Protein backbone atom coordinates (compact mmCIF):
# COMPACT_ATOMS: atom_id res chain seq x y z
CA UNK A 1 -32.82 12.59 -54.27
CA UNK A 2 -30.79 11.77 -51.02
CA UNK A 3 -30.81 7.81 -52.50
CA UNK A 4 -29.40 8.78 -55.80
CA UNK A 5 -26.47 10.36 -54.83
CA UNK A 6 -24.56 7.11 -54.10
CA UNK A 7 -24.89 5.52 -57.02
CA UNK A 8 -21.83 5.71 -58.47
CA UNK A 9 -19.26 2.97 -58.55
CA UNK A 10 -15.65 2.27 -59.51
CA UNK A 11 -16.75 2.29 -63.41
CA UNK A 12 -18.28 5.80 -63.71
CA UNK A 13 -15.83 7.38 -61.37
CA UNK A 14 -13.09 6.25 -63.70
CA UNK A 15 -14.87 7.84 -66.64
CA UNK A 16 -15.45 11.20 -65.17
CA UNK A 17 -12.01 11.35 -64.11
CA UNK A 18 -10.90 10.01 -67.81
CA UNK A 19 -13.22 12.58 -69.17
CA UNK A 20 -11.75 15.42 -67.23
CA UNK A 21 -8.28 14.42 -67.96
CA UNK A 22 -8.68 13.55 -71.60
CA UNK A 23 -9.58 16.75 -73.63
CA UNK A 24 -8.09 19.67 -75.00
CA UNK A 25 -4.69 18.99 -74.18
CA UNK A 26 -4.48 15.87 -76.19
CA UNK A 27 -4.99 17.76 -79.16
CA UNK A 28 -3.34 20.92 -78.46
CA UNK A 29 -0.26 21.22 -76.41
CA UNK A 30 2.25 18.93 -78.41
CA UNK A 31 3.37 21.85 -81.06
CA UNK A 32 4.03 24.19 -78.34
CA UNK A 33 5.58 21.35 -75.59
CA UNK A 34 7.81 20.38 -78.55
CA UNK A 35 8.48 23.64 -79.57
CA UNK A 36 10.70 24.12 -76.37
CA UNK A 37 11.23 20.48 -75.58
CA UNK A 38 12.28 18.65 -78.36
CA UNK A 39 12.78 15.03 -79.06
CA UNK A 40 12.93 14.72 -75.35
CA UNK A 41 8.86 15.26 -75.22
CA UNK A 42 8.16 11.89 -73.57
CA UNK A 43 10.66 13.10 -70.33
CA UNK A 44 8.53 16.52 -70.05
CA UNK A 45 5.21 14.16 -69.84
CA UNK A 46 6.31 11.80 -67.50
CA UNK A 47 8.05 14.77 -65.15
CA UNK A 48 4.26 16.21 -65.96
CA UNK A 49 2.55 13.04 -64.85
CA UNK A 50 4.51 12.78 -61.54
CA UNK A 51 3.62 16.05 -60.53
CA UNK A 52 0.26 16.01 -61.33
CA UNK A 53 -0.19 12.52 -59.24
CA UNK A 54 1.57 14.70 -56.08
CA UNK A 55 -0.97 17.18 -56.62
CA UNK A 56 -3.57 14.81 -56.84
CA UNK A 57 -2.76 13.03 -53.37
CA UNK A 58 -2.66 16.30 -51.56
CA UNK A 59 -5.39 17.36 -52.68
CA UNK A 60 -7.31 14.20 -52.12
CA UNK A 61 -6.19 13.78 -48.73
CA UNK A 62 -7.10 17.86 -47.61
CA UNK A 63 -10.92 16.44 -49.74
CA UNK A 64 -11.57 14.08 -46.74
CA UNK A 65 -10.08 16.35 -44.22
CA UNK A 66 -12.13 19.66 -44.92
CA UNK A 67 -15.40 17.99 -47.31
CA UNK A 68 -16.61 21.47 -48.74
CA UNK A 69 -16.96 22.94 -51.89
CA UNK A 70 -14.09 25.53 -53.26
CA UNK A 71 -11.20 23.13 -53.22
CA UNK A 72 -7.54 24.67 -52.20
CA UNK A 73 -9.61 27.87 -51.63
CA UNK A 74 -11.51 26.09 -48.39
CA UNK A 75 -8.31 24.32 -47.78
CA UNK A 76 -6.19 27.75 -47.52
CA UNK A 77 -8.66 29.35 -45.31
CA UNK A 78 -8.98 26.50 -43.17
CA UNK A 79 -5.15 24.84 -42.82
CA UNK A 80 -2.77 28.61 -43.42
CA UNK A 81 -4.93 31.61 -43.15
CA UNK A 82 -7.46 33.72 -45.23
CA UNK A 83 -5.01 35.27 -47.60
CA UNK A 84 -3.68 31.86 -48.61
CA UNK A 85 -7.27 30.69 -49.48
CA UNK A 86 -8.09 33.94 -50.96
CA UNK A 87 -4.65 33.57 -53.33
CA UNK A 88 -5.74 29.89 -53.94
CA UNK A 89 -9.28 31.10 -55.27
CA UNK A 90 -7.46 33.52 -57.62
CA UNK A 91 -5.15 31.38 -58.63
CA UNK A 92 -7.70 28.58 -59.74
CA UNK A 93 -9.89 31.96 -61.46
CA UNK A 94 -6.89 33.17 -63.70
CA UNK A 95 -5.79 29.75 -64.41
CA UNK A 96 -9.03 27.75 -64.97
CA UNK A 97 -9.69 31.07 -67.74
CA UNK A 98 -6.66 30.14 -69.23
CA UNK A 99 -7.43 26.90 -69.93
CA UNK A 100 -10.89 27.63 -71.00
CA UNK A 101 -9.25 30.14 -73.49
CA UNK A 102 -7.15 27.41 -74.41
CA UNK A 103 -9.75 25.32 -75.16
CA UNK A 104 -11.76 27.71 -77.06
CA UNK A 105 -8.40 28.83 -79.67
CA UNK A 106 -8.16 24.57 -80.37
CA UNK A 107 -11.76 24.68 -81.21
CA UNK A 108 -10.63 27.44 -83.68
CA UNK A 109 -7.75 25.58 -84.77
CA UNK A 110 -9.61 22.43 -86.08
CA UNK A 111 -12.59 24.13 -87.41
CA UNK A 112 -11.20 27.63 -88.88
CA UNK A 113 -7.37 28.04 -88.20
CA UNK A 114 -7.41 31.42 -90.22
CA UNK A 115 -9.86 32.57 -87.97
CA UNK A 116 -8.91 30.79 -84.91
CA UNK A 117 -9.63 33.69 -82.48
CA UNK A 118 -13.07 34.53 -83.94
CA UNK A 119 -14.06 30.86 -83.88
CA UNK A 120 -13.11 30.96 -79.65
CA UNK A 121 -15.08 33.61 -79.00
CA UNK A 122 -18.08 32.57 -80.47
CA UNK A 123 -17.45 28.97 -78.93
CA UNK A 124 -17.24 30.55 -75.55
CA UNK A 125 -20.39 32.68 -76.17
CA UNK A 126 -22.35 29.57 -77.17
CA UNK A 127 -20.84 28.04 -73.90
CA UNK A 128 -21.99 30.47 -71.29
CA UNK A 129 -25.59 30.25 -73.09
CA UNK A 130 -25.15 26.39 -72.54
CA UNK A 131 -24.26 26.72 -68.85
CA UNK A 132 -26.61 29.29 -68.03
CA UNK A 133 -29.20 26.80 -68.70
CA UNK A 134 -28.23 24.68 -66.07
CA UNK A 135 -27.09 21.63 -67.86
CA UNK A 136 -24.26 19.38 -66.30
CA UNK A 137 -23.13 16.68 -68.32
CA UNK A 138 -23.57 13.41 -66.80
CA UNK A 139 -21.64 10.21 -66.96
CA UNK A 140 -23.71 8.77 -70.15
CA UNK A 141 -22.41 12.18 -71.94
CA UNK A 142 -18.67 11.69 -71.15
CA UNK A 143 -18.68 8.26 -72.12
CA UNK A 144 -19.83 9.24 -75.65
CA UNK A 145 -17.11 12.10 -75.49
CA UNK A 146 -14.28 9.62 -74.44
CA UNK A 147 -15.48 7.31 -76.83
CA UNK A 148 -15.14 9.60 -79.93
CA UNK A 149 -11.88 11.10 -78.90
CA UNK A 150 -10.18 7.40 -78.45
CA UNK A 151 -11.85 6.40 -81.69
CA UNK A 152 -9.95 9.43 -83.54
CA UNK A 153 -6.75 8.96 -81.78
CA UNK A 154 -6.71 5.26 -82.32
CA UNK A 155 -7.88 5.73 -86.15
CA UNK A 156 -5.19 8.23 -86.41
CA UNK A 157 -2.50 5.84 -84.74
CA UNK A 158 -3.72 2.80 -86.82
CA UNK A 159 -3.08 5.25 -90.13
CA UNK A 160 0.04 6.56 -89.20
CA UNK A 161 1.95 3.22 -87.96
CA UNK A 162 0.16 0.98 -90.49
CA UNK A 163 2.06 3.17 -93.02
CA UNK A 164 5.41 1.16 -91.72
CA UNK A 165 6.86 4.12 -90.12
CA UNK A 166 8.75 2.19 -87.51
CA UNK A 167 11.31 5.20 -86.32
CA UNK A 168 10.70 7.46 -83.10
CA UNK A 169 13.35 10.19 -82.43
CA UNK A 170 13.23 10.13 -78.35
CA UNK A 171 16.69 11.55 -77.21
CA UNK A 172 17.91 13.80 -74.81
CA UNK A 173 20.25 15.40 -77.01
CA UNK A 174 19.87 18.96 -77.31
CA UNK A 175 17.38 19.31 -74.83
CA UNK A 176 18.03 21.83 -71.88
CA UNK A 177 16.60 21.45 -67.90
CA UNK A 178 14.36 24.68 -68.36
CA UNK A 179 13.19 23.23 -71.77
CA UNK A 180 12.01 20.15 -70.19
CA UNK A 181 10.75 21.81 -67.26
CA UNK A 182 8.81 24.45 -69.66
CA UNK A 183 7.51 21.80 -71.72
CA UNK A 184 6.49 19.81 -68.38
CA UNK A 185 4.17 22.71 -67.75
CA UNK A 186 2.13 23.02 -70.59
CA UNK A 187 1.74 19.18 -70.76
CA UNK A 188 0.66 19.56 -66.89
CA UNK A 189 -2.14 21.32 -67.86
CA UNK A 190 -3.35 18.42 -69.90
CA UNK A 191 -3.76 16.28 -66.53
CA UNK A 192 -5.08 19.45 -64.43
CA UNK A 193 -8.54 18.14 -64.91
CA UNK A 194 -8.10 14.97 -61.94
CA UNK A 195 -9.02 17.33 -59.22
CA UNK A 196 -12.88 16.75 -60.26
CA UNK A 197 -12.57 12.90 -59.13
CA UNK A 198 -11.53 14.60 -55.30
CA UNK A 199 -14.63 16.26 -55.25
CA UNK A 200 -17.19 12.91 -55.75
CA UNK A 201 -17.61 12.14 -52.43
CA UNK A 202 -21.12 12.90 -52.19
CA UNK A 203 -22.01 11.05 -55.56
CA UNK A 204 -20.03 7.72 -55.53
CA UNK A 205 -20.32 4.59 -52.95
CA UNK A 206 -17.60 4.41 -50.34
CA UNK A 207 -15.92 7.10 -51.51
CA UNK A 208 -12.92 6.53 -49.30
CA UNK A 209 -12.17 3.43 -51.52
CA UNK A 210 -13.55 4.12 -54.78
CA UNK A 211 -11.91 7.66 -54.94
CA UNK A 212 -8.28 6.76 -54.72
CA UNK A 213 -8.49 3.57 -57.10
CA UNK A 214 -10.78 5.65 -60.01
CA UNK A 215 -8.16 8.48 -59.65
CA UNK A 216 -4.90 5.85 -59.92
CA UNK A 217 -7.00 3.92 -63.13
CA UNK A 218 -7.83 7.21 -64.29
CA UNK A 219 -3.91 8.22 -64.28
CA UNK A 220 -3.01 5.22 -65.45
CA UNK A 221 -5.45 4.80 -68.73
CA UNK A 222 -4.73 9.00 -69.31
CA UNK A 223 -1.28 8.41 -69.18
CA UNK A 224 -1.08 5.68 -71.81
CA UNK A 225 -3.02 7.52 -74.21
CA UNK A 226 -0.69 10.17 -73.90
CA UNK A 227 2.46 8.25 -74.39
CA UNK A 228 0.96 6.50 -77.36
CA UNK A 229 0.24 9.98 -78.72
CA UNK A 230 3.68 11.73 -77.70
CA UNK A 231 5.62 9.19 -79.76
CA UNK A 232 2.88 9.31 -82.45
CA UNK A 233 4.24 13.42 -82.74
CA UNK A 234 7.55 12.48 -82.22
CA UNK A 235 7.46 10.21 -85.30
CA UNK A 236 6.03 12.35 -87.30
CA UNK A 237 7.87 15.58 -86.92
CA UNK A 238 10.84 12.89 -87.25
CA UNK A 239 9.41 11.85 -90.81
CA UNK A 240 9.07 15.44 -92.54
CA UNK A 241 5.38 16.49 -90.95
CA UNK A 242 5.92 20.15 -89.95
CA UNK A 243 3.36 20.97 -86.78
CA UNK A 244 0.88 23.20 -86.94
CA UNK A 245 -1.56 24.93 -84.35
CA UNK A 246 -3.70 21.82 -84.60
CA UNK A 247 -1.47 19.19 -84.38
CA UNK A 248 -2.76 16.07 -84.69
CA UNK A 249 -4.89 17.57 -87.58
CA UNK A 250 -1.21 17.92 -89.42
CA UNK A 251 -0.38 14.20 -89.12
CA UNK A 252 -3.61 13.09 -90.00
CA UNK A 253 -3.49 15.15 -93.44
CA UNK A 254 0.21 13.16 -93.54
CA UNK A 255 -1.53 9.94 -94.02
CA UNK A 256 -4.06 10.92 -96.78
CA UNK A 257 -6.21 8.49 -95.15
CA UNK A 258 -9.58 9.11 -96.36
CA UNK A 259 -11.82 10.64 -93.33
CA UNK A 260 -9.40 10.78 -90.87
CA UNK A 261 -8.78 14.98 -90.98
CA UNK A 262 -12.73 15.32 -90.29
CA UNK A 263 -12.68 12.26 -87.56
CA UNK A 264 -9.97 14.43 -85.55
CA UNK A 265 -11.62 17.93 -85.98
CA UNK A 266 -14.48 16.36 -84.59
CA UNK A 267 -12.55 14.80 -81.66
CA UNK A 268 -10.85 18.01 -81.03
CA UNK A 269 -14.19 19.80 -81.31
CA UNK A 270 -15.96 17.56 -79.08
CA UNK A 271 -13.32 17.20 -76.29
CA UNK A 272 -12.42 21.39 -76.22
CA UNK A 273 -16.13 21.89 -76.18
CA UNK A 274 -16.46 19.68 -73.31
CA UNK A 275 -13.51 21.50 -71.41
CA UNK A 276 -14.89 24.89 -72.15
CA UNK A 277 -18.35 24.42 -70.75
CA UNK A 278 -17.06 22.52 -67.80
CA UNK A 279 -14.34 25.23 -67.09
CA UNK A 280 -16.46 28.15 -67.22
CA UNK A 281 -19.19 26.41 -65.07
CA UNK A 282 -16.33 25.81 -62.83
CA UNK A 283 -15.29 29.17 -62.39
CA UNK A 284 -18.16 30.51 -62.06
CA UNK A 285 -19.25 28.31 -59.06
CA UNK A 286 -15.63 29.29 -57.46
CA UNK A 287 -16.20 33.12 -58.24
CA UNK A 288 -20.03 32.78 -56.90
CA UNK A 289 -18.53 30.82 -53.50
CA UNK A 290 -15.51 33.87 -52.98
CA UNK A 291 -18.46 36.43 -53.29
CA UNK A 292 -20.51 34.58 -51.10
CA UNK A 293 -17.77 34.12 -48.53
CA UNK A 294 -16.59 38.26 -49.15
CA UNK A 295 -13.32 36.91 -51.02
CA UNK A 296 -14.85 38.70 -53.88
CA UNK A 297 -17.48 41.19 -54.97
CA UNK A 298 -20.87 40.43 -53.37
CA UNK A 299 -22.62 40.84 -56.62
CA UNK A 300 -21.36 37.56 -57.94
CA UNK A 301 -23.01 35.82 -54.87
CA UNK A 302 -26.46 35.71 -57.28
CA UNK A 303 -28.61 32.82 -58.93
CA UNK A 304 -30.79 32.40 -60.92
CA UNK A 305 -33.92 29.91 -61.20
CA UNK A 306 -32.48 27.28 -62.59
CA UNK A 307 -30.00 27.85 -59.59
CA UNK A 308 -27.02 28.63 -61.84
CA UNK A 309 -24.45 31.32 -60.26
CA UNK A 310 -25.18 33.32 -63.53
CA UNK A 311 -23.64 36.70 -62.74
CA UNK A 312 -20.40 34.74 -61.78
CA UNK A 313 -20.68 32.53 -65.29
CA UNK A 314 -20.70 35.62 -67.06
CA UNK A 315 -17.48 36.97 -65.73
CA UNK A 316 -15.81 33.33 -66.16
CA UNK A 317 -17.15 34.01 -69.93
CA UNK A 318 -15.33 37.45 -69.93
CA UNK A 319 -12.42 36.32 -68.55
CA UNK A 320 -11.84 33.89 -70.98
CA UNK A 321 -12.64 35.62 -73.69
CA UNK A 322 -10.30 38.44 -72.72
CA UNK A 323 -7.61 35.79 -73.17
CA UNK A 324 -8.86 34.01 -76.57
CA UNK A 325 -8.82 37.74 -77.60
CA UNK A 326 -5.14 38.00 -76.58
CA UNK A 327 -4.65 34.42 -78.46
CA UNK A 328 -1.96 31.56 -78.96
CA UNK A 329 -2.70 28.24 -77.57
CA UNK A 330 0.64 28.21 -76.03
CA UNK A 331 0.52 31.37 -73.92
CA UNK A 332 -2.89 30.27 -73.04
CA UNK A 333 -1.69 27.18 -72.21
CA UNK A 334 1.76 28.89 -70.03
CA UNK A 335 -0.37 30.74 -68.15
CA UNK A 336 -2.71 28.27 -66.83
CA UNK A 337 0.15 25.85 -66.01
CA UNK A 338 1.89 28.55 -64.10
CA UNK A 339 -0.86 29.94 -62.11
CA UNK A 340 -2.82 26.29 -61.24
CA UNK A 341 0.60 24.92 -59.86
CA UNK A 342 0.60 27.82 -57.97
CA UNK A 343 -2.70 26.76 -56.68
CA UNK A 344 -1.41 23.45 -56.04
CA UNK A 345 1.38 24.49 -54.78
CA UNK A 346 -0.59 25.96 -51.87
CA UNK A 347 -2.03 22.36 -51.65
CA UNK A 348 0.71 21.15 -50.57
CA UNK A 349 1.42 23.68 -48.30
CA UNK A 350 -1.61 23.29 -46.70
CA UNK A 351 -0.68 19.47 -46.08
CA UNK A 352 2.52 19.84 -44.41
CA UNK A 353 0.84 22.61 -42.22
CA UNK A 354 -1.37 19.62 -40.93
CA UNK A 355 1.63 17.47 -40.40
CA UNK A 356 2.89 19.64 -38.63
CA UNK A 357 -0.14 20.12 -36.48
CA UNK A 358 -0.06 16.32 -36.36
CA UNK A 359 -2.79 15.62 -38.84
CA UNK A 360 -1.14 13.82 -41.53
CA UNK A 361 1.16 11.08 -41.62
CA UNK A 362 5.33 11.83 -42.46
CA UNK A 363 4.70 9.50 -45.73
CA UNK A 364 2.06 12.17 -47.25
CA UNK A 365 4.13 14.86 -46.06
CA UNK A 366 6.90 13.99 -47.90
CA UNK A 367 4.56 13.52 -50.61
CA UNK A 368 3.67 17.27 -50.66
CA UNK A 369 7.36 18.31 -49.75
CA UNK A 370 8.73 16.49 -53.45
CA UNK A 371 5.37 17.87 -54.96
CA UNK A 372 5.76 21.74 -53.56
CA UNK A 373 9.12 21.25 -55.28
CA UNK A 374 8.33 19.97 -58.19
CA UNK A 375 5.45 22.44 -58.60
CA UNK A 376 8.47 25.12 -57.70
CA UNK A 377 10.65 23.74 -60.22
CA UNK A 378 8.00 23.66 -63.26
CA UNK A 379 6.67 27.19 -62.93
CA UNK A 380 9.87 28.55 -62.61
CA UNK A 381 10.41 26.38 -66.14
CA UNK A 382 7.43 27.64 -67.65
CA UNK A 383 8.88 31.32 -66.71
CA UNK A 384 12.22 31.04 -67.99
CA UNK A 385 11.12 29.43 -71.27
CA UNK A 386 7.86 29.23 -72.49
CA UNK A 387 6.53 32.63 -72.47
CA UNK A 388 9.14 33.66 -74.32
CA UNK A 389 8.59 30.67 -77.21
CA UNK A 390 5.48 29.11 -77.42
CA UNK A 391 4.19 31.93 -78.98
């Protein structure tokens, strides 16, 4: 068993990273983000990517310093104090529950938009039942997911650009700083799965070398995909396409290409379904760890015969159901952005605390300081714009 753990090489780690990021966001985030950023959508996307990269830098350094489960929950307790760790833990739980709700609502938006919430509730119940069986996605399954998603995006791009459309409305005119910051917050959620790469230390060969390279390659691939899709969305809007809660389906329908709408729907359900499974499992394990450490109800510290923290996962699913019941992909993404950025803000403070103690380089501290300011600015942008407009 021990010998099997370090068999994941760079390609496998890149697959995990891309699969973690190329999920709900690529199919759902464009409508609410465009609503508040307009033609400055790509500028908001690049800002989101920059903040995500800085967050990844800090969390990767902390993962090497504190090789324990729990992420920033563990780092906050180690470098700042219990209060910071607990705050990070609950921020993670709330933010990821909102992300899971957005994933469930995305499934509803693409499968049956008139009954989006009902479909979303069913999707959460099915994901919980699957997760309680202790089934974890392998790298091969992730490859299948990425393949379906990429095929759908490539087919949509070829159909749209092949129709002779050349105009793309990219401009800052009419955009407000708060609108760009708010949209960046929503778009940030599309990158938020990158943290999964930082916890691969026990599964990859030569982790100190492989993980940073995998993070960089994964980021590069996903940014290219998102820029391509962002340009596609802007071109479609410029051509008169009205974006629905399933924006890529709206673009696919406008091409009149045979079978394209069905393919895009399949890609959306695959991507959002995989994200939903992963998030409920991740939230449950965080709650389990907090219950074990006395920072959440002790009843959550329970596992079944399949070694699954079943009570914690039931709570995770219940929180997700609450988000779905409230409805609104945009609102779910906004809530996720605000809380997850708070979580990463605490990570940056941890790095700065290490630097003050002489355990981190000045370059790493500078990246953490800039990242912290970025997190604060985007959270303010989300709070001032997104909650009142994304719906």
